[in-house]
Amino acid sequence: MIEISFGKLVLLALIALIVLGPEKLPGAARTAGALLRRMRSGWDDVRAEVERELQVEEIKRAAREAAAKAEAAQAELDAAVQKVRDVQHVVVAPDHEAVTGAANAAAAGPALGAEATAENLPEGAPDPATGDLFAGTAATAAREPPHGHA
């Protein structure tokens, strides 16, 4: 901005006194002060509006980044779920045929029949009641306490 020293202010006041006279000088000073206040207020309003717009843009950018991360995480989760479903499908029906009806269930053995439990499942087969992929494995035995103990 323009640098106005005390000496320059005194010189301006002296020139204004000579040009305007002692009667009009106080009114002119009030008018000049009001104009300066309006200019400062307008400049501050413009600056504040620009800062708000920048903050809004920053928030929008952060929201877009968060949405992109969430979409990537969702895609990764969907891929993992699909992989688990593919593994379950291969383990339960390796020949890709659906096991249906009482005759097919009985022919498939007790692990796929109605009375299938985690204890009589073949190695690697999911628990039909819970869908646990690790039922009947060493990992399940390690995380479950022995029967009769809490």
N, C-alpha and C. Protein backbone atom coordinates (compact mmCIF):
# COMPACT_ATOMS: atom_id res chain seq x y z
N MET A 1 0.83 -1.18 0.00
CA MET A 1 0.00 0.00 0.00
C MET A 1 0.87 1.24 0.00
N ILE A 2 0.21 2.34 -0.05
CA ILE A 2 0.91 3.63 -0.06
C ILE A 2 1.40 3.92 1.35
N GLU A 3 2.66 4.29 1.45
CA GLU A 3 3.23 4.62 2.75
C GLU A 3 3.06 6.11 2.99
N ILE A 4 2.38 6.44 4.05
CA ILE A 4 2.18 7.86 4.40
C ILE A 4 2.80 8.08 5.77
N SER A 5 3.84 8.89 5.80
CA SER A 5 4.50 9.20 7.06
C SER A 5 3.77 10.35 7.76
N PHE A 6 4.20 10.60 8.99
CA PHE A 6 3.58 11.68 9.76
C PHE A 6 3.80 13.04 9.09
N GLY A 7 4.98 13.22 8.52
CA GLY A 7 5.27 14.48 7.84
C GLY A 7 4.36 14.70 6.64
N LYS A 8 4.09 13.63 5.89
CA LYS A 8 3.20 13.74 4.74
C LYS A 8 1.77 14.05 5.18
N LEU A 9 1.34 13.48 6.30
CA LEU A 9 0.00 13.76 6.82
C LEU A 9 -0.15 15.23 7.22
N VAL A 10 0.88 15.77 7.86
CA VAL A 10 0.85 17.18 8.26
C VAL A 10 0.78 18.07 7.02
N LEU A 11 1.56 17.72 5.99
CA LEU A 11 1.54 18.50 4.75
C LEU A 11 0.18 18.44 4.09
N LEU A 12 -0.45 17.25 4.04
CA LEU A 12 -1.79 17.12 3.47
C LEU A 12 -2.83 17.92 4.26
N ALA A 13 -2.72 17.89 5.59
CA ALA A 13 -3.65 18.65 6.42
C ALA A 13 -3.50 20.15 6.19
N LEU A 14 -2.28 20.61 6.03
CA LEU A 14 -2.03 22.03 5.78
C LEU A 14 -2.59 22.45 4.42
N ILE A 15 -2.38 21.64 3.39
CA ILE A 15 -2.92 21.94 2.06
C ILE A 15 -4.45 21.93 2.11
N ALA A 16 -5.04 20.95 2.80
CA ALA A 16 -6.50 20.87 2.90
C ALA A 16 -7.05 22.09 3.64
N LEU A 17 -6.35 22.56 4.66
CA LEU A 17 -6.79 23.73 5.41
C LEU A 17 -6.77 24.98 4.53
N ILE A 18 -5.74 25.08 3.72
CA ILE A 18 -5.62 26.25 2.83
C ILE A 18 -6.69 26.18 1.74
N VAL A 19 -6.89 25.00 1.13
CA VAL A 19 -7.84 24.87 0.02
C VAL A 19 -9.29 24.94 0.51
N LEU A 20 -9.63 24.21 1.54
CA LEU A 20 -11.02 24.12 1.98
C LEU A 20 -11.41 25.22 2.98
N GLY A 21 -10.48 25.65 3.75
CA GLY A 21 -10.79 26.66 4.76
C GLY A 21 -11.19 25.98 6.05
N PRO A 22 -11.15 26.71 7.15
CA PRO A 22 -11.42 26.13 8.46
C PRO A 22 -12.88 25.70 8.65
N GLU A 23 -13.82 26.24 7.87
CA GLU A 23 -15.23 25.88 8.03
C GLU A 23 -15.55 24.52 7.41
N LYS A 24 -14.97 24.22 6.26
CA LYS A 24 -15.30 22.98 5.53
C LYS A 24 -14.36 21.82 5.87
N LEU A 25 -13.24 22.09 6.49
CA LEU A 25 -12.25 21.05 6.76
C LEU A 25 -12.78 19.92 7.66
N PRO A 26 -13.49 20.21 8.79
CA PRO A 26 -13.98 19.09 9.61
C PRO A 26 -14.95 18.18 8.86
N GLY A 27 -15.85 18.73 8.06
CA GLY A 27 -16.78 17.90 7.27
C GLY A 27 -16.05 17.06 6.23
N ALA A 28 -15.04 17.66 5.58
CA ALA A 28 -14.25 16.92 4.58
C ALA A 28 -13.47 15.78 5.24
N ALA A 29 -12.94 16.03 6.46
CA ALA A 29 -12.20 14.99 7.18
C ALA A 29 -13.13 13.83 7.54
N ARG A 30 -14.35 14.15 8.00
CA ARG A 30 -15.31 13.08 8.32
C ARG A 30 -15.66 12.29 7.06
N THR A 31 -15.89 12.96 5.95
CA THR A 31 -16.22 12.28 4.69
C THR A 31 -15.05 11.40 4.25
N ALA A 32 -13.84 11.90 4.35
CA ALA A 32 -12.66 11.11 3.95
C ALA A 32 -12.52 9.89 4.85
N GLY A 33 -12.76 10.06 6.15
CA GLY A 33 -12.69 8.93 7.08
C GLY A 33 -13.74 7.87 6.78
N ALA A 34 -14.97 8.33 6.45
CA ALA A 34 -16.04 7.38 6.11
C ALA A 34 -15.70 6.61 4.83
N LEU A 35 -15.15 7.32 3.85
CA LEU A 35 -14.75 6.64 2.60
C LEU A 35 -13.66 5.60 2.85
N LEU A 36 -12.69 5.96 3.69
CA LEU A 36 -11.63 5.00 4.01
C LEU A 36 -12.19 3.78 4.74
N ARG A 37 -13.12 3.99 5.67
CA ARG A 37 -13.73 2.86 6.38
C ARG A 37 -14.49 1.95 5.42
N ARG A 38 -15.24 2.55 4.49
CA ARG A 38 -15.97 1.75 3.50
C ARG A 38 -15.02 0.94 2.63
N MET A 39 -13.93 1.59 2.21
CA MET A 39 -12.96 0.87 1.37
C MET A 39 -12.35 -0.30 2.14
N ARG A 40 -11.95 -0.05 3.38
CA ARG A 40 -11.37 -1.14 4.19
C ARG A 40 -12.39 -2.25 4.42
N SER A 41 -13.62 -1.87 4.74
CA SER A 41 -14.67 -2.86 4.98
C SER A 41 -14.93 -3.69 3.73
N GLY A 42 -15.01 -3.02 2.58
CA GLY A 42 -15.22 -3.73 1.32
C GLY A 42 -14.06 -4.68 1.02
N TRP A 43 -12.84 -4.19 1.24
CA TRP A 43 -11.66 -5.03 0.99
C TRP A 43 -11.66 -6.23 1.94
N ASP A 44 -11.99 -6.01 3.20
CA ASP A 44 -12.05 -7.11 4.16
C ASP A 44 -13.14 -8.12 3.79
N ASP A 45 -14.28 -7.63 3.30
CA ASP A 45 -15.35 -8.52 2.87
C ASP A 45 -14.91 -9.38 1.69
N VAL A 46 -14.24 -8.75 0.72
CA VAL A 46 -13.76 -9.49 -0.45
C VAL A 46 -12.74 -10.54 -0.02
N ARG A 47 -11.81 -10.14 0.84
CA ARG A 47 -10.78 -11.08 1.31
C ARG A 47 -11.42 -12.26 2.07
N ALA A 48 -12.40 -11.96 2.93
CA ALA A 48 -13.07 -13.01 3.70
C ALA A 48 -13.83 -13.96 2.76
N GLU A 49 -14.47 -13.42 1.74
CA GLU A 49 -15.20 -14.26 0.78
C GLU A 49 -14.25 -15.18 0.01
N VAL A 50 -13.11 -14.63 -0.40
CA VAL A 50 -12.13 -15.46 -1.11
C VAL A 50 -11.61 -16.56 -0.19
N GLU A 51 -11.36 -16.23 1.07
CA GLU A 51 -10.88 -17.25 2.01
C GLU A 51 -11.94 -18.33 2.23
N ARG A 52 -13.22 -17.93 2.32
CA ARG A 52 -14.30 -18.92 2.46
C ARG A 52 -14.37 -19.84 1.25
N GLU A 53 -14.24 -19.25 0.07
CA GLU A 53 -14.27 -20.07 -1.15
C GLU A 53 -13.11 -21.05 -1.18
N LEU A 54 -11.94 -20.59 -0.76
CA LEU A 54 -10.78 -21.49 -0.72
C LEU A 54 -11.01 -22.62 0.28
N GLN A 55 -11.61 -22.30 1.42
CA GLN A 55 -11.90 -23.34 2.41
C GLN A 55 -12.92 -24.33 1.87
N VAL A 56 -13.94 -23.83 1.16
CA VAL A 56 -14.94 -24.72 0.57
C VAL A 56 -14.29 -25.64 -0.45
N GLU A 57 -13.41 -25.08 -1.28
CA GLU A 57 -12.72 -25.91 -2.27
C GLU A 57 -11.85 -26.96 -1.59
N GLU A 58 -11.19 -26.59 -0.50
CA GLU A 58 -10.36 -27.54 0.24
C GLU A 58 -11.21 -28.66 0.82
N ILE A 59 -12.38 -28.30 1.36
CA ILE A 59 -13.28 -29.31 1.92
C ILE A 59 -13.79 -30.23 0.81
N LYS A 60 -14.13 -29.67 -0.34
CA LYS A 60 -14.60 -30.49 -1.46
C LYS A 60 -13.50 -31.44 -1.93
N ARG A 61 -12.26 -30.93 -2.00
CA ARG A 61 -11.15 -31.78 -2.43
C ARG A 61 -10.94 -32.93 -1.43
N ALA A 62 -10.99 -32.60 -0.13
CA ALA A 62 -10.83 -33.64 0.88
C ALA A 62 -11.96 -34.66 0.81
N ALA A 63 -13.18 -34.19 0.55
CA ALA A 63 -14.32 -35.11 0.42
C ALA A 63 -14.16 -36.01 -0.80
N ARG A 64 -13.67 -35.45 -1.92
CA ARG A 64 -13.44 -36.28 -3.11
C ARG A 64 -12.38 -37.34 -2.84
N GLU A 65 -11.30 -36.93 -2.14
CA GLU A 65 -10.25 -37.90 -1.81
C GLU A 65 -10.78 -39.00 -0.90
N ALA A 66 -11.57 -38.62 0.10
CA ALA A 66 -12.14 -39.60 1.02
C ALA A 66 -13.09 -40.55 0.28
N ALA A 67 -13.88 -40.01 -0.65
CA ALA A 67 -14.80 -40.85 -1.42
C ALA A 67 -14.01 -41.82 -2.31
N ALA A 68 -12.93 -41.35 -2.90
CA ALA A 68 -12.11 -42.23 -3.74
C ALA A 68 -11.48 -43.35 -2.89
N LYS A 69 -11.01 -43.01 -1.69
CA LYS A 69 -10.44 -44.03 -0.81
C LYS A 69 -11.51 -45.03 -0.39
N ALA A 70 -12.71 -44.53 -0.10
CA ALA A 70 -13.80 -45.42 0.30
C ALA A 70 -14.19 -46.34 -0.85
N GLU A 71 -14.23 -45.81 -2.07
CA GLU A 71 -14.55 -46.66 -3.23
C GLU A 71 -13.48 -47.72 -3.44
N ALA A 72 -12.22 -47.34 -3.27
CA ALA A 72 -11.14 -48.32 -3.42
C ALA A 72 -11.23 -49.40 -2.35
N ALA A 73 -11.53 -49.00 -1.12
CA ALA A 73 -11.67 -49.97 -0.04
C ALA A 73 -12.87 -50.88 -0.30
N GLN A 74 -13.97 -50.31 -0.81
CA GLN A 74 -15.15 -51.12 -1.13
C GLN A 74 -14.84 -52.12 -2.24
N ALA A 75 -14.11 -51.67 -3.26
CA ALA A 75 -13.74 -52.58 -4.35
C ALA A 75 -12.85 -53.71 -3.83
N GLU A 76 -11.92 -53.36 -2.94
CA GLU A 76 -11.04 -54.37 -2.36
C GLU A 76 -11.83 -55.35 -1.52
N LEU A 77 -12.78 -54.84 -0.74
CA LEU A 77 -13.63 -55.71 0.07
C LEU A 77 -14.49 -56.60 -0.80
N ASP A 78 -15.07 -56.05 -1.86
CA ASP A 78 -15.88 -56.86 -2.78
C ASP A 78 -15.05 -57.98 -3.41
N ALA A 79 -13.80 -57.64 -3.80
CA ALA A 79 -12.93 -58.66 -4.39
C ALA A 79 -12.62 -59.76 -3.36
N ALA A 80 -12.38 -59.36 -2.12
CA ALA A 80 -12.08 -60.36 -1.08
C ALA A 80 -13.30 -61.23 -0.81
N VAL A 81 -14.49 -60.63 -0.76
CA VAL A 81 -15.71 -61.41 -0.54
C VAL A 81 -15.94 -62.37 -1.70
N GLN A 82 -15.72 -61.90 -2.91
CA GLN A 82 -15.90 -62.77 -4.08
C GLN A 82 -14.90 -63.92 -4.04
N LYS A 83 -13.67 -63.64 -3.62
CA LYS A 83 -12.65 -64.69 -3.52
C LYS A 83 -13.06 -65.73 -2.49
N VAL A 84 -13.59 -65.27 -1.34
CA VAL A 84 -14.05 -66.20 -0.31
C VAL A 84 -15.21 -67.04 -0.84
N ARG A 85 -16.13 -66.41 -1.54
CA ARG A 85 -17.26 -67.16 -2.11
C ARG A 85 -16.78 -68.18 -3.14
N ASP A 86 -15.80 -67.79 -3.95
CA ASP A 86 -15.25 -68.74 -4.92
C ASP A 86 -14.61 -69.92 -4.22
N VAL A 87 -13.88 -69.64 -3.14
CA VAL A 87 -13.23 -70.72 -2.39
C VAL A 87 -14.29 -71.61 -1.76
N GLN A 88 -15.33 -71.03 -1.19
CA GLN A 88 -16.41 -71.83 -0.60
C GLN A 88 -17.08 -72.69 -1.67
N HIS A 89 -17.33 -72.12 -2.82
CA HIS A 89 -18.00 -72.84 -3.90
C HIS A 89 -17.15 -74.03 -4.36
N VAL A 90 -15.85 -73.83 -4.47
CA VAL A 90 -14.97 -74.91 -4.91
C VAL A 90 -14.88 -75.99 -3.85
N VAL A 91 -14.83 -75.62 -2.57
CA VAL A 91 -14.70 -76.60 -1.51
C VAL A 91 -16.00 -77.39 -1.34
N VAL A 92 -17.14 -76.72 -1.38
CA VAL A 92 -18.41 -77.40 -1.16
C VAL A 92 -18.81 -78.24 -2.37
N ALA A 93 -18.67 -77.71 -3.56
CA ALA A 93 -19.06 -78.42 -4.77
C ALA A 93 -17.95 -78.32 -5.81
N PRO A 94 -16.90 -79.16 -5.67
CA PRO A 94 -15.75 -79.02 -6.56
C PRO A 94 -16.08 -79.33 -8.02
N ASP A 95 -17.11 -80.11 -8.28
CA ASP A 95 -17.45 -80.43 -9.66
C ASP A 95 -18.43 -79.42 -10.25
N HIS A 96 -18.71 -78.33 -9.52
CA HIS A 96 -19.58 -77.23 -9.94
C HIS A 96 -21.02 -77.67 -10.14
N GLU A 97 -21.43 -78.74 -9.51
CA GLU A 97 -22.82 -79.16 -9.57
C GLU A 97 -23.45 -78.88 -8.21
N ALA A 98 -24.63 -78.39 -8.21
CA ALA A 98 -25.31 -78.12 -6.95
C ALA A 98 -25.76 -79.42 -6.33
N VAL A 99 -25.53 -79.56 -5.05
CA VAL A 99 -25.95 -80.75 -4.33
C VAL A 99 -27.36 -80.47 -3.84
N THR A 100 -28.35 -81.16 -4.44
CA THR A 100 -29.74 -80.91 -4.08
C THR A 100 -30.44 -82.23 -3.81
N GLY A 101 -31.52 -82.14 -3.04
CA GLY A 101 -32.34 -83.32 -2.77
C GLY A 101 -31.73 -84.21 -1.71
N ALA A 102 -32.57 -85.05 -1.12
CA ALA A 102 -32.11 -85.93 -0.06
C ALA A 102 -31.19 -87.01 -0.60
N ALA A 103 -31.46 -87.50 -1.82
CA ALA A 103 -30.63 -88.56 -2.39
C ALA A 103 -29.22 -88.05 -2.65
N ASN A 104 -29.08 -86.87 -3.22
CA ASN A 104 -27.74 -86.33 -3.48
C ASN A 104 -27.03 -86.01 -2.18
N ALA A 105 -27.76 -85.49 -1.16
CA ALA A 105 -27.15 -85.16 0.11
C ALA A 105 -26.67 -86.43 0.80
N ALA A 106 -27.46 -87.49 0.73
CA ALA A 106 -27.05 -88.74 1.36
C ALA A 106 -25.86 -89.33 0.63
N ALA A 107 -25.85 -89.22 -0.71
CA ALA A 107 -24.74 -89.75 -1.49
C ALA A 107 -23.47 -88.95 -1.25
N ALA A 108 -23.60 -87.69 -0.95
CA ALA A 108 -22.43 -86.85 -0.75
C ALA A 108 -21.77 -87.12 0.59
N GLY A 109 -22.48 -87.77 1.50
CA GLY A 109 -21.87 -88.09 2.79
C GLY A 109 -22.42 -87.20 3.87
N PRO A 110 -22.07 -87.48 5.10
CA PRO A 110 -22.63 -86.74 6.24
C PRO A 110 -22.19 -85.28 6.28
N ALA A 111 -21.06 -84.93 5.68
CA ALA A 111 -20.59 -83.55 5.75
C ALA A 111 -21.50 -82.61 4.99
N LEU A 112 -22.17 -83.08 3.94
CA LEU A 112 -23.05 -82.22 3.17
C LEU A 112 -24.51 -82.50 3.43
N GLY A 113 -24.83 -83.47 4.25
CA GLY A 113 -26.21 -83.81 4.56
C GLY A 113 -26.80 -82.87 5.58
N ALA A 114 -28.03 -83.10 5.96
CA ALA A 114 -28.72 -82.21 6.91
C ALA A 114 -28.10 -82.30 8.30
N GLU A 115 -27.49 -83.45 8.63
CA GLU A 115 -26.95 -83.61 9.97
C GLU A 115 -25.47 -83.23 10.05
N ALA A 116 -24.97 -82.48 9.09
CA ALA A 116 -23.56 -82.10 9.07
C ALA A 116 -23.26 -81.15 10.23
N THR A 117 -22.15 -81.41 10.92
CA THR A 117 -21.69 -80.55 12.00
C THR A 117 -20.22 -80.26 11.77
N ALA A 118 -19.69 -79.37 12.58
CA ALA A 118 -18.28 -78.99 12.42
C ALA A 118 -17.35 -80.16 12.71
N GLU A 119 -17.81 -81.13 13.52
CA GLU A 119 -16.94 -82.25 13.88
C GLU A 119 -16.78 -83.26 12.74
N ASN A 120 -17.82 -83.45 11.91
CA ASN A 120 -17.71 -84.48 10.87
C ASN A 120 -17.51 -83.88 9.48
N LEU A 121 -17.00 -82.67 9.39
CA LEU A 121 -16.72 -82.05 8.10
C LEU A 121 -15.39 -82.58 7.56
N PRO A 122 -15.28 -82.72 6.23
CA PRO A 122 -13.98 -83.05 5.66
C PRO A 122 -13.03 -81.86 5.84
N GLU A 123 -11.74 -82.13 5.77
CA GLU A 123 -10.73 -81.08 5.94
C GLU A 123 -10.94 -79.97 4.92
N GLY A 124 -11.03 -78.71 5.40
CA GLY A 124 -11.15 -77.55 4.52
C GLY A 124 -12.58 -77.18 4.15
N ALA A 125 -13.59 -77.97 4.56
CA ALA A 125 -14.98 -77.66 4.21
C ALA A 125 -15.51 -76.63 5.20
N PRO A 126 -16.32 -75.67 4.72
CA PRO A 126 -16.87 -74.67 5.65
C PRO A 126 -17.98 -75.28 6.50
N ASP A 127 -18.14 -74.73 7.70
CA ASP A 127 -19.20 -75.15 8.60
C ASP A 127 -20.53 -74.75 7.99
N PRO A 128 -21.46 -75.71 7.75
CA PRO A 128 -22.72 -75.35 7.10
C PRO A 128 -23.60 -74.44 7.95
N ALA A 129 -23.45 -74.45 9.26
CA ALA A 129 -24.29 -73.62 10.11
C ALA A 129 -23.80 -72.18 10.15
N THR A 130 -22.48 -71.98 10.20
CA THR A 130 -21.94 -70.63 10.36
C THR A 130 -21.22 -70.12 9.13
N GLY A 131 -20.85 -71.00 8.21
CA GLY A 131 -20.08 -70.58 7.04
C GLY A 131 -18.61 -70.41 7.36
N ASP A 132 -18.17 -70.88 8.56
CA ASP A 132 -16.79 -70.74 8.98
C ASP A 132 -15.90 -71.59 8.06
N LEU A 133 -14.98 -70.94 7.36
CA LEU A 133 -14.09 -71.66 6.44
C LEU A 133 -13.06 -72.51 7.18
N PHE A 134 -12.83 -72.19 8.45
CA PHE A 134 -11.79 -72.88 9.17
C PHE A 134 -12.34 -73.88 10.19
N ALA A 135 -13.60 -74.28 10.03
CA ALA A 135 -14.20 -75.24 10.94
C ALA A 135 -13.48 -76.58 10.81
N GLY A 136 -13.17 -77.18 11.94
CA GLY A 136 -12.53 -78.50 11.93
C GLY A 136 -11.04 -78.45 11.64
N THR A 137 -10.43 -77.27 11.61
CA THR A 137 -9.00 -77.19 11.33
C THR A 137 -8.26 -76.91 12.62
N ALA A 138 -6.95 -76.93 12.54
CA ALA A 138 -6.12 -76.66 13.70
C ALA A 138 -6.31 -75.23 14.19
N ALA A 139 -6.62 -74.30 13.27
CA ALA A 139 -6.84 -72.91 13.67
C ALA A 139 -8.06 -72.80 14.57
N THR A 140 -9.11 -73.54 14.29
CA THR A 140 -10.32 -73.51 15.12
C THR A 140 -10.03 -74.15 16.46
N ALA A 141 -9.31 -75.26 16.46
CA ALA A 141 -9.00 -75.94 17.71
C ALA A 141 -8.13 -75.07 18.61
N ALA A 142 -7.25 -74.28 18.01
CA ALA A 142 -6.36 -73.42 18.80
C ALA A 142 -7.11 -72.26 19.43
N ARG A 143 -8.15 -71.74 18.77
CA ARG A 143 -8.84 -70.58 19.32
C ARG A 143 -10.01 -70.94 20.21
N GLU A 144 -10.48 -72.20 20.22
CA GLU A 144 -11.60 -72.62 21.07
C GLU A 144 -11.05 -73.34 22.29
N PRO A 145 -11.63 -73.04 23.47
CA PRO A 145 -11.18 -73.75 24.68
C PRO A 145 -11.66 -75.20 24.63
N PRO A 146 -11.01 -76.11 25.35
CA PRO A 146 -11.46 -77.51 25.36
C PRO A 146 -12.86 -77.59 25.93
N HIS A 147 -13.60 -78.61 25.48
CA HIS A 147 -14.99 -78.80 25.93
C HIS A 147 -15.04 -79.00 27.44
N GLY A 148 -15.97 -78.33 28.08
CA GLY A 148 -16.12 -78.45 29.52
C GLY A 148 -15.33 -77.41 30.30
N HIS A 149 -14.47 -76.63 29.63
CA HIS A 149 -13.69 -75.58 30.29
C HIS A 149 -14.13 -74.24 29.73
N ALA A 150 -14.20 -73.23 30.57
CA ALA A 150 -14.64 -71.91 30.11
C ALA A 150 -13.50 -71.02 29.80
